[in-house]
PDB file of N, CA and C in Angstrom:
ATOM      1  N   MET A   1      31.525  26.992 -90.174  1.00  0.00           N
ATOM      2  CA  MET A   1      31.735  27.046 -88.744  1.00  0.00           C
ATOM      3  C   MET A   1      32.965  27.891 -88.453  1.00  0.00           C
ATOM      4  N   PRO A   2      32.830  29.204 -88.534  1.00  0.00           N
ATOM      5  CA  PRO A   2      33.993  30.056 -88.254  1.00  0.00           C
ATOM      6  C   PRO A   2      34.225  30.228 -86.760  1.00  0.00           C
ATOM      7  N   TYR A   3      34.780  29.182 -86.146  1.00  0.00           N
ATOM      8  CA  TYR A   3      35.115  29.219 -84.715  1.00  0.00           C
ATOM      9  C   TYR A   3      36.399  30.026 -84.560  1.00  0.00           C
ATOM     10  N   HIS A   4      36.256  31.322 -84.412  1.00  0.00           N
ATOM     11  CA  HIS A   4      37.414  32.213 -84.465  1.00  0.00           C
ATOM     12  C   HIS A   4      38.482  31.873 -83.428  1.00  0.00           C
ATOM     13  N   ALA A   5      38.077  31.607 -82.186  1.00  0.00           N
ATOM     14  CA  ALA A   5      39.072  31.329 -81.137  1.00  0.00           C
ATOM     15  C   ALA A   5      39.750  29.984 -81.362  1.00  0.00           C
ATOM     16  N   ARG A   6      38.985  28.993 -81.728  1.00  0.00           N
ATOM     17  CA  ARG A   6      39.517  27.643 -81.936  1.00  0.00           C
ATOM     18  C   ARG A   6      40.523  27.593 -83.084  1.00  0.00           C
ATOM     19  N   PHE A   7      40.307  28.450 -84.102  1.00  0.00           N
ATOM     20  CA  PHE A   7      41.151  28.407 -85.289  1.00  0.00           C
ATOM     21  C   PHE A   7      42.210  29.502 -85.321  1.00  0.00           C
ATOM     22  N   GLY A   8      42.620  29.981 -84.110  1.00  0.00           N
ATOM     23  CA  GLY A   8      43.759  30.880 -84.014  1.00  0.00           C
ATOM     24  C   GLY A   8      43.452  32.357 -84.166  1.00  0.00           C
ATOM     25  N   HIS A   9      42.188  32.753 -84.041  1.00  0.00           N
ATOM     26  CA  HIS A   9      41.813  34.157 -84.202  1.00  0.00           C
ATOM     27  C   HIS A   9      41.064  34.666 -82.974  1.00  0.00           C
ATOM     28  N   ALA A  10      41.517  34.265 -81.798  1.00  0.00           N
ATOM     29  CA  ALA A  10      40.815  34.583 -80.544  1.00  0.00           C
ATOM     30  C   ALA A  10      40.640  36.080 -80.335  1.00  0.00           C
ATOM     31  N   TYR A  11      41.535  36.895 -80.833  1.00  0.00           N
ATOM     32  CA  TYR A  11      41.457  38.336 -80.630  1.00  0.00           C
ATOM     33  C   TYR A  11      41.054  39.073 -81.899  1.00  0.00           C
ATOM     34  N   ASP A  12      40.418  38.347 -82.821  1.00  0.00           N
ATOM     35  CA  ASP A  12      40.015  38.939 -84.098  1.00  0.00           C
ATOM     36  C   ASP A  12      38.626  38.434 -84.502  1.00  0.00           C
ATOM     37  N   PRO A  13      37.564  38.839 -83.804  1.00  0.00           N
ATOM     38  CA  PRO A  13      36.219  38.395 -84.173  1.00  0.00           C
ATOM     39  C   PRO A  13      35.812  38.798 -85.597  1.00  0.00           C
ATOM     40  N   ALA A  14      36.453  39.830 -86.157  1.00  0.00           N
ATOM     41  CA  ALA A  14      36.152  40.223 -87.535  1.00  0.00           C
ATOM     42  C   ALA A  14      36.505  39.116 -88.527  1.00  0.00           C
ATOM     43  N   TRP A  15      37.330  38.177 -88.109  1.00  0.00           N
ATOM     44  CA  TRP A  15      37.671  37.034 -88.954  1.00  0.00           C
ATOM     45  C   TRP A  15      36.402  36.295 -89.364  1.00  0.00           C
ATOM     46  N   ILE A  16      35.413  36.272 -88.483  1.00  0.00           N
ATOM     47  CA  ILE A  16      34.146  35.585 -88.767  1.00  0.00           C
ATOM     48  C   ILE A  16      33.476  36.198 -89.986  1.00  0.00           C
ATOM     49  N   SER A  17      33.309  37.521 -89.995  1.00  0.00           N
ATOM     50  CA  SER A  17      32.632  38.160 -91.131  1.00  0.00           C
ATOM     51  C   SER A  17      33.473  38.088 -92.401  1.00  0.00           C
ATOM     52  N   ARG A  18      34.793  38.083 -92.276  1.00  0.00           N
ATOM     53  CA  ARG A  18      35.628  37.918 -93.472  1.00  0.00           C
ATOM     54  C   ARG A  18      35.432  36.534 -94.090  1.00  0.00           C
ATOM     55  N   GLN A  19      35.342  35.508 -93.246  1.00  0.00           N
ATOM     56  CA  GLN A  19      35.122  34.159 -93.760  1.00  0.00           C
ATOM     57  C   GLN A  19      33.751  34.035 -94.410  1.00  0.00           C
ATOM     58  N   THR A  20      32.731  34.632 -93.787  1.00  0.00           N
ATOM     59  CA  THR A  20      31.378  34.589 -94.335  1.00  0.00           C
ATOM     60  C   THR A  20      31.312  35.344 -95.662  1.00  0.00           C
ATOM     61  N   ALA A  21      31.968  36.505 -95.727  1.00  0.00           N
ATOM     62  CA  ALA A  21      32.001  37.275 -96.981  1.00  0.00           C
ATOM     63  C   ALA A  21      32.688  36.476 -98.084  1.00  0.00           C
ATOM     64  N   TRP A  22      33.789  35.812 -97.747  1.00  0.00           N
ATOM     65  CA  TRP A  22      34.479  34.996 -98.744  1.00  0.00           C
ATOM     66  C   TRP A  22      33.558  33.898 -99.265  1.00  0.00           C
ATOM     67  N   LEU A  23      32.868  33.207 -98.343  1.00  0.00           N
ATOM     68  CA  LEU A  23      31.978  32.124 -98.746  1.00  0.00           C
ATOM     69  C   LEU A  23      30.843  32.648 -99.616  1.00  0.00           C
ATOM     70  N   GLY A  24      30.251  33.771 -99.230  1.00  0.00           N
ATOM     71  CA  GLY A  24      29.188  34.354-100.040  1.00  0.00           C
ATOM     72  C   GLY A  24      29.675  34.698-101.434  1.00  0.00           C
ATOM     73  N   ASN A  25      30.855  35.286-101.534  1.00  0.00           N
ATOM     74  CA  ASN A  25      31.427  35.617-102.834  1.00  0.00           C
ATOM     75  C   ASN A  25      31.703  34.356-103.643  1.00  0.00           C
ATOM     76  N   HIS A  26      32.260  33.360-103.005  1.00  0.00           N
ATOM     77  CA  HIS A  26      32.588  32.096-103.675  1.00  0.00           C
ATOM     78  C   HIS A  26      31.343  31.397-104.217  1.00  0.00           C
ATOM     79  N   LEU A  27      30.248  31.464-103.464  1.00  0.00           N
ATOM     80  CA  LEU A  27      29.004  30.783-103.860  1.00  0.00           C
ATOM     81  C   LEU A  27      28.018  31.692-104.579  1.00  0.00           C
ATOM     82  N   GLY A  28      28.325  32.971-104.678  1.00  0.00           N
ATOM     83  CA  GLY A  28      27.422  33.912-105.323  1.00  0.00           C
ATOM     84  C   GLY A  28      26.177  34.209-104.489  1.00  0.00           C
ATOM     85  N   ILE A  29      26.320  34.219-103.174  1.00  0.00           N
ATOM     86  CA  ILE A  29      25.202  34.484-102.270  1.00  0.00           C
ATOM     87  C   ILE A  29      25.377  35.890-101.696  1.00  0.00           C
ATOM     88  N   GLN A  30      24.332  36.707-101.830  1.00  0.00           N
ATOM     89  CA  GLN A  30      24.374  38.083-101.364  1.00  0.00           C
ATOM     90  C   GLN A  30      23.742  38.275 -99.992  1.00  0.00           C
ATOM     91  N   GLY A  31      22.888  37.342 -99.585  1.00  0.00           N
ATOM     92  CA  GLY A  31      22.165  37.494 -98.326  1.00  0.00           C
ATOM     93  C   GLY A  31      20.813  38.149 -98.510  1.00  0.00           C
ATOM     94  N   ASP A  32      20.312  38.179 -99.744  1.00  0.00           N
ATOM     95  CA  ASP A  32      18.999  38.752-100.024  1.00  0.00           C
ATOM     96  C   ASP A  32      17.894  37.825 -99.523  1.00  0.00           C
ATOM     97  N   PRO A  33      16.786  38.394 -99.041  1.00  0.00           N
ATOM     98  CA  PRO A  33      15.713  37.570 -98.467  1.00  0.00           C
ATOM     99  C   PRO A  33      15.109  36.555 -99.447  1.00  0.00           C
ATOM    100  N   ASP A  34      15.134  36.852-100.741  1.00  0.00           N
ATOM    101  CA  ASP A  34      14.511  35.954-101.714  1.00  0.00           C
ATOM    102  C   ASP A  34      15.466  34.902-102.282  1.00  0.00           C
ATOM    103  N   GLU A  35      16.704  34.884-101.840  1.00  0.00           N
ATOM    104  CA  GLU A  35      17.649  33.870-102.323  1.00  0.00           C
ATOM    105  C   GLU A  35      17.302  32.510-101.743  1.00  0.00           C
ATOM    106  N   ARG A  36      17.458  31.492-102.565  1.00  0.00           N
ATOM    107  CA  ARG A  36      17.180  30.131-102.097  1.00  0.00           C
ATOM    108  C   ARG A  36      18.244  29.640-101.129  1.00  0.00           C
ATOM    109  N   ASN A  37      19.500  29.846-101.480  1.00  0.00           N
ATOM    110  CA  ASN A  37      20.610  29.412-100.622  1.00  0.00           C
ATOM    111  C   ASN A  37      20.889  30.463 -99.569  1.00  0.00           C
ATOM    112  N   ARG A  38      21.193  29.995 -98.361  1.00  0.00           N
ATOM    113  CA  ARG A  38      21.434  30.907 -97.243  1.00  0.00           C
ATOM    114  C   ARG A  38      22.697  30.472 -96.494  1.00  0.00           C
ATOM    115  N   ILE A  39      23.325  31.445 -95.866  1.00  0.00           N
ATOM    116  CA  ILE A  39      24.498  31.187 -95.033  1.00  0.00           C
ATOM    117  C   ILE A  39      24.121  31.519 -93.597  1.00  0.00           C
ATOM    118  N   TRP A  40      24.272  30.551 -92.720  1.00  0.00           N
ATOM    119  CA  TRP A  40      24.067  30.737 -91.281  1.00  0.00           C
ATOM    120  C   TRP A  40      25.329  30.248 -90.584  1.00  0.00           C
ATOM    121  N   PRO A  41      26.288  31.130 -90.308  1.00  0.00           N
ATOM    122  CA  PRO A  41      27.502  30.700 -89.639  1.00  0.00           C
ATOM    123  C   PRO A  41      27.222  30.198 -88.216  1.00  0.00           C
ATOM    124  N   ILE A  42      27.977  29.217 -87.810  1.00  0.00           N
ATOM    125  CA  ILE A  42      27.955  28.756 -86.421  1.00  0.00           C
ATOM    126  C   ILE A  42      29.159  29.398 -85.751  1.00  0.00           C
ATOM    127  N   VAL A  43      28.898  30.310 -84.819  1.00  0.00           N
ATOM    128  CA  VAL A  43      29.980  31.040 -84.158  1.00  0.00           C
ATOM    129  C   VAL A  43      30.270  30.426 -82.794  1.00  0.00           C
ATOM    130  N   GLN A  44      31.486  30.602 -82.356  1.00  0.00           N
ATOM    131  CA  GLN A  44      31.963  30.011 -81.099  1.00  0.00           C
ATOM    132  C   GLN A  44      31.793  30.992 -79.943  1.00  0.00           C
ATOM    133  N   LEU A  45      31.055  30.566 -78.932  1.00  0.00           N
ATOM    134  CA  LEU A  45      30.959  31.325 -77.684  1.00  0.00           C
ATOM    135  C   LEU A  45      31.412  30.504 -76.497  1.00  0.00           C
ATOM    136  N   SER A  46      31.858  29.291 -76.729  1.00  0.00           N
ATOM    137  CA  SER A  46      32.345  28.461 -75.624  1.00  0.00           C
ATOM    138  C   SER A  46      33.867  28.499 -75.584  1.00  0.00           C
ATOM    139  N   ASP A  47      34.405  28.166 -74.443  1.00  0.00           N
ATOM    140  CA  ASP A  47      35.857  28.067 -74.295  1.00  0.00           C
ATOM    141  C   ASP A  47      36.306  26.686 -74.767  1.00  0.00           C
ATOM    142  N   TRP A  48      36.460  26.562 -76.059  1.00  0.00           N
ATOM    143  CA  TRP A  48      36.895  25.321 -76.684  1.00  0.00           C
ATOM    144  C   TRP A  48      38.223  25.628 -77.355  1.00  0.00           C
ATOM    145  N   GLY A  49      39.284  25.304 -76.682  1.00  0.00           N
ATOM    146  CA  GLY A  49      40.602  25.755 -77.116  1.00  0.00           C
ATOM    147  C   GLY A  49      40.889  27.049 -76.396  1.00  0.00           C
ATOM    148  N   GLU A  50      40.953  28.131 -77.125  1.00  0.00           N
ATOM    149  CA  GLU A  50      41.136  29.455 -76.536  1.00  0.00           C
ATOM    150  C   GLU A  50      39.834  29.929 -75.897  1.00  0.00           C
ATOM    151  N   PRO A  51      39.914  30.661 -74.788  1.00  0.00           N
ATOM    152  CA  PRO A  51      38.690  31.189 -74.177  1.00  0.00           C
ATOM    153  C   PRO A  51      38.075  32.313 -75.009  1.00  0.00           C
ATOM    154  N   VAL A  52      36.768  32.438 -74.909  1.00  0.00           N
ATOM    155  CA  VAL A  52      36.039  33.537 -75.529  1.00  0.00           C
ATOM    156  C   VAL A  52      35.512  34.406 -74.385  1.00  0.00           C
ATOM    157  N   PRO A  53      36.088  35.586 -74.173  1.00  0.00           N
ATOM    158  CA  PRO A  53      35.650  36.420 -73.056  1.00  0.00           C
ATOM    159  C   PRO A  53      34.214  36.911 -73.248  1.00  0.00           C
ATOM    160  N   VAL A  54      33.510  37.053 -72.160  1.00  0.00           N
ATOM    161  CA  VAL A  54      32.120  37.500 -72.226  1.00  0.00           C
ATOM    162  C   VAL A  54      32.019  38.868 -72.899  1.00  0.00           C
ATOM    163  N   GLU A  55      33.036  39.697 -72.772  1.00  0.00           N
ATOM    164  CA  GLU A  55      33.033  41.008 -73.425  1.00  0.00           C
ATOM    165  C   GLU A  55      33.040  40.907 -74.949  1.00  0.00           C
ATOM    166  N   GLN A  56      33.367  39.744 -75.480  1.00  0.00           N
ATOM    167  CA  GLN A  56      33.460  39.555 -76.922  1.00  0.00           C
ATOM    168  C   GLN A  56      32.158  39.026 -77.535  1.00  0.00           C
ATOM    169  N   VAL A  57      31.208  38.628 -76.719  1.00  0.00           N
ATOM    170  CA  VAL A  57      29.987  37.985 -77.213  1.00  0.00           C
ATOM    171  C   VAL A  57      29.246  38.872 -78.212  1.00  0.00           C
ATOM    172  N   ARG A  58      29.010  40.119 -77.875  1.00  0.00           N
ATOM    173  CA  ARG A  58      28.273  41.027 -78.776  1.00  0.00           C
ATOM    174  C   ARG A  58      28.979  41.152 -80.126  1.00  0.00           C
ATOM    175  N   GLU A  59      30.295  41.302 -80.096  1.00  0.00           N
ATOM    176  CA  GLU A  59      31.061  41.455 -81.333  1.00  0.00           C
ATOM    177  C   GLU A  59      31.029  40.179 -82.172  1.00  0.00           C
ATOM    178  N   VAL A  60      31.136  39.035 -81.519  1.00  0.00           N
ATOM    179  CA  VAL A  60      31.070  37.750 -82.226  1.00  0.00           C
ATOM    180  C   VAL A  60      29.716  37.604 -82.922  1.00  0.00           C
ATOM    181  N   LEU A  61      28.635  37.918 -82.220  1.00  0.00           N
ATOM    182  CA  LEU A  61      27.302  37.830 -82.815  1.00  0.00           C
ATOM    183  C   LEU A  61      27.115  38.845 -83.937  1.00  0.00           C
ATOM    184  N   ASP A  62      27.671  40.026 -83.760  1.00  0.00           N
ATOM    185  CA  ASP A  62      27.600  41.043 -84.812  1.00  0.00           C
ATOM    186  C   ASP A  62      28.276  40.551 -86.084  1.00  0.00           C
ATOM    187  N   HIS A  63      29.503  40.070 -85.958  1.00  0.00           N
ATOM    188  CA  HIS A  63      30.234  39.612 -87.146  1.00  0.00           C
ATOM    189  C   HIS A  63      29.600  38.359 -87.750  1.00  0.00           C
ATOM    190  N   GLY A  64      29.028  37.510 -86.915  1.00  0.00           N
ATOM    191  CA  GLY A  64      28.378  36.307 -87.427  1.00  0.00           C
ATOM    192  C   GLY A  64      27.090  36.570 -88.172  1.00  0.00           C
ATOM    193  N   SER A  65      26.462  37.699 -87.904  1.00  0.00           N
ATOM    194  CA  SER A  65      25.167  37.977 -88.525  1.00  0.00           C
ATOM    195  C   SER A  65      25.247  38.986 -89.670  1.00  0.00           C
ATOM    196  N   ARG A  66      26.435  39.375 -90.056  1.00  0.00           N
ATOM    197  CA  ARG A  66      26.582  40.317 -91.176  1.00  0.00           C
ATOM    198  C   ARG A  66      26.343  39.627 -92.501  1.00  0.00           C
ATOM    199  N   ARG A  67      25.797  40.394 -93.437  1.00  0.00           N
ATOM    200  CA  ARG A  67      25.569  39.850 -94.771  1.00  0.00           C
ATOM    201  C   ARG A  67      26.876  39.392 -95.392  1.00  0.00           C
ATOM    202  N   PRO A  68      26.850  38.326 -96.104  1.00  0.00           N
ATOM    203  CA  PRO A  68      25.705  37.670 -96.704  1.00  0.00           C
ATOM    204  C   PRO A  68      24.975  36.677 -95.805  1.00  0.00           C
ATOM    205  N   ALA A  69      25.328  36.594 -94.530  1.00  0.00           N
ATOM    206  CA  ALA A  69      24.595  35.716 -93.621  1.00  0.00           C
ATOM    207  C   ALA A  69      23.175  36.251 -93.439  1.00  0.00           C
ATOM    208  N   THR A  70      22.230  35.349 -93.285  1.00  0.00           N
ATOM    209  CA  THR A  70      20.851  35.751 -93.000  1.00  0.00           C
ATOM    210  C   THR A  70      20.414  35.235 -91.636  1.00  0.00           C
ATOM    211  N   GLY A  71      21.339  34.644 -90.917  1.00  0.00           N
ATOM    212  CA  GLY A  71      21.083  34.139 -89.574  1.00  0.00           C
ATOM    213  C   GLY A  71      22.409  33.720 -88.968  1.00  0.00           C
ATOM    214  N   VAL A  72      22.358  33.313 -87.725  1.00  0.00           N
ATOM    215  CA  VAL A  72      23.581  32.883 -87.040  1.00  0.00           C
ATOM    216  C   VAL A  72      23.195  31.818 -86.025  1.00  0.00           C
ATOM    217  N   MET A  73      24.065  30.847 -85.829  1.00  0.00           N
ATOM    218  CA  MET A  73      23.886  29.821 -84.808  1.00  0.00           C
ATOM    219  C   MET A  73      25.068  29.916 -83.853  1.00  0.00           C
ATOM    220  N   ILE A  74      24.873  29.427 -82.640  1.00  0.00           N
ATOM    221  CA  ILE A  74      25.890  29.537 -81.606  1.00  0.00           C
ATOM    222  C   ILE A  74      26.354  28.168 -81.156  1.00  0.00           C
ATOM    223  N   PHE A  75      27.685  27.996 -81.113  1.00  0.00           N
ATOM    224  CA  PHE A  75      28.271  26.801 -80.510  1.00  0.00           C
ATOM    225  C   PHE A  75      28.600  27.153 -79.073  1.00  0.00           C
ATOM    226  N   ASN A  76      27.988  26.422 -78.155  1.00  0.00           N
ATOM    227  CA  ASN A  76      28.145  26.690 -76.733  1.00  0.00           C
ATOM    228  C   ASN A  76      28.025  25.373 -75.987  1.00  0.00           C
ATOM    229  N   TRP A  77      28.704  25.265 -74.895  1.00  0.00           N
ATOM    230  CA  TRP A  77      28.504  24.124 -73.996  1.00  0.00           C
ATOM    231  C   TRP A  77      28.791  24.588 -72.587  1.00  0.00           C
ATOM    232  N   GLY A  78      28.229  23.904 -71.630  1.00  0.00           N
ATOM    233  CA  GLY A  78      28.388  24.347 -70.259  1.00  0.00           C
ATOM    234  C   GLY A  78      29.051  23.301 -69.403  1.00  0.00           C
TER     235      GLY A  78
END
């Protein structure tokens, strides 16, 4: 759950892909379609702690879906 804004990286959405890359390296997961284990980060799009500006949504989703991730989930509330 790389909630970038909540964990002090509100202005650094690339932190999400760095965390996912670290986890993939640590677990030996490349993000290949035939791998049994998969990484699906849950990214933060809600204002929980620090706000997440709407202009950042595309970048957050981009970094959350980079390999070794094979999908992405969104944390949001209204």
